[in-house]
C-alpha atoms as a PDB file:
ATOM      1  CA  MET A   1       0.000   0.000   0.000  1.00  0.00           C
ATOM      2  CA  TYR A   2       2.834   2.389   0.831  1.00  0.00           C
ATOM      3  CA  ASP A   3       4.483   1.956  -2.574  1.00  0.00           C
ATOM      4  CA  ARG A   4       1.215   2.680  -4.395  1.00  0.00           C
ATOM      5  CA  ASP A   5       0.709   5.925  -2.435  1.00  0.00           C
ATOM      6  CA  PRO A   6       3.691   7.073  -0.322  1.00  0.00           C
ATOM      7  CA  GLN A   7       2.019  10.327   0.757  1.00  0.00           C
ATOM      8  CA  GLY A   8       0.109  10.857   4.013  1.00  0.00           C
ATOM      9  CA  TRP A   9       1.516   8.123   6.270  1.00  0.00           C
ATOM     10  CA  GLY A  10       2.022   8.446  10.019  1.00  0.00           C
ATOM     11  CA  VAL A  11       3.700   6.104  12.535  1.00  0.00           C
ATOM     12  CA  LEU A  12       3.403   6.389  16.309  1.00  0.00           C
ATOM     13  CA  VAL A  13       5.205   3.984  18.670  1.00  0.00           C
ATOM     14  CA  GLY A  14       4.808   3.552  22.413  1.00  0.00           C
ATOM     15  CA  ARG A  15       4.515   0.947  25.134  1.00  0.00           C
ATOM     16  CA  ASP A  16       1.358  -0.218  26.824  1.00  0.00           C
ATOM     17  CA  LYS A  17       0.898  -0.820  30.553  1.00  0.00           C
ATOM     18  CA  SER A  18       1.966  -4.467  30.082  1.00  0.00           C
ATOM     19  CA  GLY A  19       5.289  -3.497  28.504  1.00  0.00           C
ATOM     20  CA  PHE A  20       4.311  -4.506  24.964  1.00  0.00           C
ATOM     21  CA  TYR A  21       5.168  -2.187  22.090  1.00  0.00           C
ATOM     22  CA  ASP A  22       2.235  -0.521  20.354  1.00  0.00           C
ATOM     23  CA  VAL A  23       2.683   0.671  16.792  1.00  0.00           C
ATOM     24  CA  LEU A  24      -0.083   2.764  15.247  1.00  0.00           C
ATOM     25  CA  ILE A  25       0.186   3.262  11.498  1.00  0.00           C
ATOM     26  CA  SER A  26      -2.127   5.615   9.657  1.00  0.00           C
ATOM     27  CA  HIS A  27      -2.668   6.445   6.016  1.00  0.00           C
ATOM     28  CA  LYS A  28      -5.227   9.108   5.260  1.00  0.00           C
ATOM     29  CA  THR A  29      -8.495   7.617   6.620  1.00  0.00           C
ATOM     30  CA  GLU A  30      -7.150   4.137   7.442  1.00  0.00           C
ATOM     31  CA  ALA A  31      -5.168   2.941  10.458  1.00  0.00           C
ATOM     32  CA  TRP A  32      -3.663  -0.241  11.850  1.00  0.00           C
ATOM     33  CA  GLN A  33      -2.464  -1.270  15.291  1.00  0.00           C
ATOM     34  CA  ILE A  34       0.398  -3.680  15.839  1.00  0.00           C
ATOM     35  CA  LYS A  35       1.228  -5.005  19.307  1.00  0.00           C
ATOM     36  CA  GLU A  36       4.696  -6.527  19.708  1.00  0.00           C
ATOM     37  CA  TYR A  37       6.859  -8.259  22.292  1.00  0.00           C
ATOM     38  CA  GLN A  38      10.643  -8.054  22.081  1.00  0.00           C
ATOM     39  CA  VAL A  39      11.902 -11.620  22.488  1.00  0.00           C
ATOM     40  CA  ASN A  40      15.548 -10.546  22.305  1.00  0.00           C
ATOM     41  CA  PRO A  41      17.458  -7.627  20.753  1.00  0.00           C
ATOM     42  CA  TYR A  42      17.029  -9.148  17.279  1.00  0.00           C
ATOM     43  CA  LYS A  43      13.571 -10.684  17.352  1.00  0.00           C
ATOM     44  CA  PHE A  44      10.046  -9.395  17.877  1.00  0.00           C
ATOM     45  CA  VAL A  45       6.792 -11.327  17.859  1.00  0.00           C
ATOM     46  CA  GLY A  46       3.506  -9.555  17.395  1.00  0.00           C
ATOM     47  CA  LEU A  47       0.108  -9.300  15.842  1.00  0.00           C
ATOM     48  CA  GLY A  48      -2.097  -6.557  14.597  1.00  0.00           C
ATOM     49  CA  SER A  49      -5.323  -5.504  13.021  1.00  0.00           C
ATOM     50  CA  LYS A  50      -6.873  -2.763  10.970  1.00  0.00           C
ATOM     51  CA  LEU A  51      -8.699  -0.208  13.099  1.00  0.00           C
ATOM     52  CA  SER A  52     -12.255   0.809  12.433  1.00  0.00           C
ATOM     53  CA  ALA A  53     -12.726   4.185  10.756  1.00  0.00           C
ATOM     54  CA  GLY A  54     -12.872   7.387  12.769  1.00  0.00           C
ATOM     55  CA  GLY A  55     -10.458   9.339  14.916  1.00  0.00           C
ATOM     56  CA  ILE A  56      -7.511   8.666  12.639  1.00  0.00           C
ATOM     57  CA  GLU A  57      -6.561  12.347  12.376  1.00  0.00           C
ATOM     58  CA  SER A  58      -5.449  12.335  15.997  1.00  0.00           C
ATOM     59  CA  LEU A  59      -2.355  10.273  15.113  1.00  0.00           C
ATOM     60  CA  GLY A  60      -0.850  13.569  14.026  1.00  0.00           C
ATOM     61  CA  VAL A  61       0.850  13.062  10.669  1.00  0.00           C
ATOM     62  CA  GLY A  62       1.843  16.742  10.816  1.00  0.00           C
ATOM     63  CA  ALA A  63       4.185  18.714   8.570  1.00  0.00           C
ATOM     64  CA  HIS A  64       6.562  15.798   7.977  1.00  0.00           C
ATOM     65  CA  PRO A  65       4.706  12.562   7.226  1.00  0.00           C
ATOM     66  CA  PHE A  66       6.394   9.177   7.525  1.00  0.00           C
ATOM     67  CA  GLY A  67       8.095   7.872   4.417  1.00  0.00           C
ATOM     68  CA  PHE A  68      11.256   6.994   2.534  1.00  0.00           C
ATOM     69  CA  ARG A  69      13.275   9.931   1.238  1.00  0.00           C
ATOM     70  CA  PRO A  70      16.266   9.337  -1.045  1.00  0.00           C
ATOM     71  CA  ILE A  71      19.589  10.848  -0.027  1.00  0.00           C
ATOM     72  CA  GLY A  72      22.018  11.550  -2.852  1.00  0.00           C
ATOM     73  CA  SER A  73      25.822  11.370  -2.768  1.00  0.00           C
ATOM     74  CA  ALA A  74      26.181  15.114  -2.156  1.00  0.00           C
ATOM     75  CA  GLU A  75      23.750  14.938   0.774  1.00  0.00           C
ATOM     76  CA  MET A  76      25.611  11.906   2.176  1.00  0.00           C
ATOM     77  CA  LYS A  77      28.854  13.935   2.116  1.00  0.00           C
ATOM     78  CA  GLU A  78      27.066  16.863   3.737  1.00  0.00           C
ATOM     79  CA  LEU A  79      25.746  14.537   6.474  1.00  0.00           C
ATOM     80  CA  ALA A  80      29.270  13.297   7.153  1.00  0.00           C
ATOM     81  CA  SER A  81      30.616  16.863   7.354  1.00  0.00           C
ATOM     82  CA  VAL A  82      27.976  18.134   9.844  1.00  0.00           C
ATOM     83  CA  ILE A  83      27.672  15.044  12.031  1.00  0.00           C
ATOM     84  CA  ASP A  84      29.359  16.813  14.986  1.00  0.00           C
ATOM     85  CA  ASP A  85      27.432  20.093  14.620  1.00  0.00           C
ATOM     86  CA  PRO A  86      23.938  19.682  16.173  1.00  0.00           C
ATOM     87  CA  ARG A  87      22.584  22.924  14.681  1.00  0.00           C
ATOM     88  CA  ALA A  88      23.784  22.141  11.137  1.00  0.00           C
ATOM     89  CA  MET A  89      22.587  18.523  11.506  1.00  0.00           C
ATOM     90  CA  ASN A  90      19.141  19.733  12.579  1.00  0.00           C
ATOM     91  CA  GLU A  91      18.947  22.067   9.575  1.00  0.00           C
ATOM     92  CA  LEU A  92      19.974  19.287   7.183  1.00  0.00           C
ATOM     93  CA  ALA A  93      17.484  16.852   8.738  1.00  0.00           C
ATOM     94  CA  SER A  94      14.715  19.435   8.334  1.00  0.00           C
ATOM     95  CA  LYS A  95      15.726  19.973   4.693  1.00  0.00           C
ATOM     96  CA  LEU A  96      15.670  16.214   4.019  1.00  0.00           C
ATOM     97  CA  LEU A  97      12.325  15.745   5.808  1.00  0.00           C
ATOM     98  CA  ALA A  98      10.800  18.506   3.680  1.00  0.00           C
ATOM     99  CA  GLN A  99      11.235  16.284   0.609  1.00  0.00           C
ATOM    100  CA  ARG A 100       8.178  14.334  -0.494  1.00  0.00           C
ATOM    101  CA  PRO A 101       8.275  10.639   0.440  1.00  0.00           C
ATOM    102  CA  VAL A 102       8.811   8.257  -2.480  1.00  0.00           C
ATOM    103  CA  SER A 103       8.110   4.551  -3.061  1.00  0.00           C
ATOM    104  CA  SER A 104      10.546   2.081  -1.541  1.00  0.00           C
ATOM    105  CA  GLY A 105      11.740   1.040  -5.020  1.00  0.00           C
ATOM    106  CA  GLU A 106      12.632   4.614  -5.902  1.00  0.00           C
ATOM    107  CA  ALA A 107      14.259   5.210  -2.504  1.00  0.00           C
ATOM    108  CA  PHE A 108      16.419   2.066  -2.703  1.00  0.00           C
ATOM    109  CA  GLU A 109      17.940   3.276  -5.974  1.00  0.00           C
ATOM    110  CA  SER A 110      19.698   6.114  -4.122  1.00  0.00           C
ATOM    111  CA  PRO A 111      22.989   5.899  -2.155  1.00  0.00           C
ATOM    112  CA  GLY A 112      21.142   6.542   1.121  1.00  0.00           C
ATOM    113  CA  ILE A 113      17.623   6.626   2.534  1.00  0.00           C
ATOM    114  CA  LEU A 114      16.034   8.695   5.263  1.00  0.00           C
ATOM    115  CA  GLN A 115      13.188   6.711   6.812  1.00  0.00           C
ATOM    116  CA  GLY A 116      10.704   8.390   9.094  1.00  0.00           C
ATOM    117  CA  PRO A 117       9.845  10.245  11.103  1.00  0.00           C
ATOM    118  CA  ILE A 118       8.493   7.744  13.583  1.00  0.00           C
ATOM    119  CA  LEU A 119       6.889   9.510  16.526  1.00  0.00           C
ATOM    120  CA  GLN A 120       7.716   7.991  19.926  1.00  0.00           C
ATOM    121  CA  SER A 121       5.352   8.347  22.885  1.00  0.00           C
ATOM    122  CA  SER A 122       6.877   8.319  26.357  1.00  0.00           C
ATOM    123  CA  LYS A 123       3.483   7.358  27.832  1.00  0.00           C
ATOM    124  CA  PRO A 124       1.162   4.496  26.937  1.00  0.00           C
ATOM    125  CA  ILE A 125      -0.789   5.326  23.781  1.00  0.00           C
ATOM    126  CA  GLU A 126      -4.386   6.124  24.632  1.00  0.00           C
ATOM    127  CA  ALA A 127      -7.137   4.403  22.685  1.00  0.00           C
ATOM    128  CA  LEU A 128      -8.689   6.558  19.982  1.00  0.00           C
ATOM    129  CA  SER A 129     -12.115   4.990  20.411  1.00  0.00           C
ATOM    130  CA  THR A 130     -14.062   2.371  22.365  1.00  0.00           C
ATOM    131  CA  ALA A 131     -13.609  -0.071  19.476  1.00  0.00           C
ATOM    132  CA  GLN A 132      -9.845   0.428  19.571  1.00  0.00           C
ATOM    133  CA  ARG A 133      -9.820  -0.060  23.352  1.00  0.00           C
ATOM    134  CA  ARG A 134     -11.539  -3.445  22.869  1.00  0.00           C
ATOM    135  CA  LEU A 135      -9.143  -4.344  20.029  1.00  0.00           C
ATOM    136  CA  ASP A 136      -6.155  -3.339  22.157  1.00  0.00           C
ATOM    137  CA  GLU A 137      -7.304  -5.608  24.980  1.00  0.00           C
ATOM    138  CA  LYS A 138      -7.886  -8.504  22.574  1.00  0.00           C
ATOM    139  CA  LEU A 139      -4.447  -8.056  20.964  1.00  0.00           C
ATOM    140  CA  ARG A 140      -2.785  -7.849  24.397  1.00  0.00           C
ATOM    141  CA  LYS A 141      -4.444 -11.052  25.629  1.00  0.00           C
ATOM    142  CA  GLN A 142      -3.579 -12.938  22.439  1.00  0.00           C
ATOM    143  CA  LEU A 143       0.019 -11.719  22.537  1.00  0.00           C
ATOM    144  CA  GLN A 144       0.339 -12.670  26.221  1.00  0.00           C
ATOM    145  CA  ARG A 145      -0.894 -16.153  25.315  1.00  0.00           C
ATOM    146  CA  ILE A 146       1.678 -16.447  22.493  1.00  0.00           C
ATOM    147  CA  VAL A 147       4.518 -15.160  24.675  1.00  0.00           C
ATOM    148  CA  HIS A 148       3.692 -17.542  27.540  1.00  0.00           C
ATOM    149  CA  GLN A 149       3.376 -20.524  25.175  1.00  0.00           C
ATOM    150  CA  GLU A 150       6.293 -19.906  22.843  1.00  0.00           C
ATOM    151  CA  PHE A 151       8.692 -17.652  24.759  1.00  0.00           C
ATOM    152  CA  ARG A 152       8.084 -18.480  28.432  1.00  0.00           C
ATOM    153  CA  HIS A 153      11.841 -18.491  29.011  1.00  0.00           C
ATOM    154  CA  THR A 154      11.965 -14.735  28.275  1.00  0.00           C
ATOM    155  CA  VAL A 155       9.462 -13.791  30.981  1.00  0.00           C
ATOM    156  CA  THR A 156      10.319 -16.315  33.711  1.00  0.00           C
ATOM    157  CA  PRO A 157      13.267 -15.383  35.954  1.00  0.00           C
ATOM    158  CA  TYR A 158      16.177 -17.792  36.047  1.00  0.00           C
ATOM    159  CA  ILE A 159      16.695 -19.666  39.315  1.00  0.00           C
END
């Protein structure tokens, strides 16, 4: 779906009260929720579902929507030259984020890719609706079941 229409995407990540990761992805009037558990630093297990319509605007796509932005050779050199200058790095990041997102195929043809932004919530993500609250609870219970069946060793303390 992203490659067909790379404009208007938003990604918000946070943790729920159980410690699971919540990922909310929105595209115009559609949204999805993914709930994940980090098994180890290299592996996640999770499940997700499409959200019912309504309240999607509150994900806050904002001025810089999520997407892939190609970075050319000149921009790669500029990144390397300003890496130790926070002000110049911030200006360059803003310039790169102002570019329109492109399809993944187009982005992967360039020497570098800027992916994002991905908004991070320091607090648990609040449900956008009653239906999402029910979905969130269902996803959490199913993920807890999977974690306790398949990855019990990651949640049980060693003795």
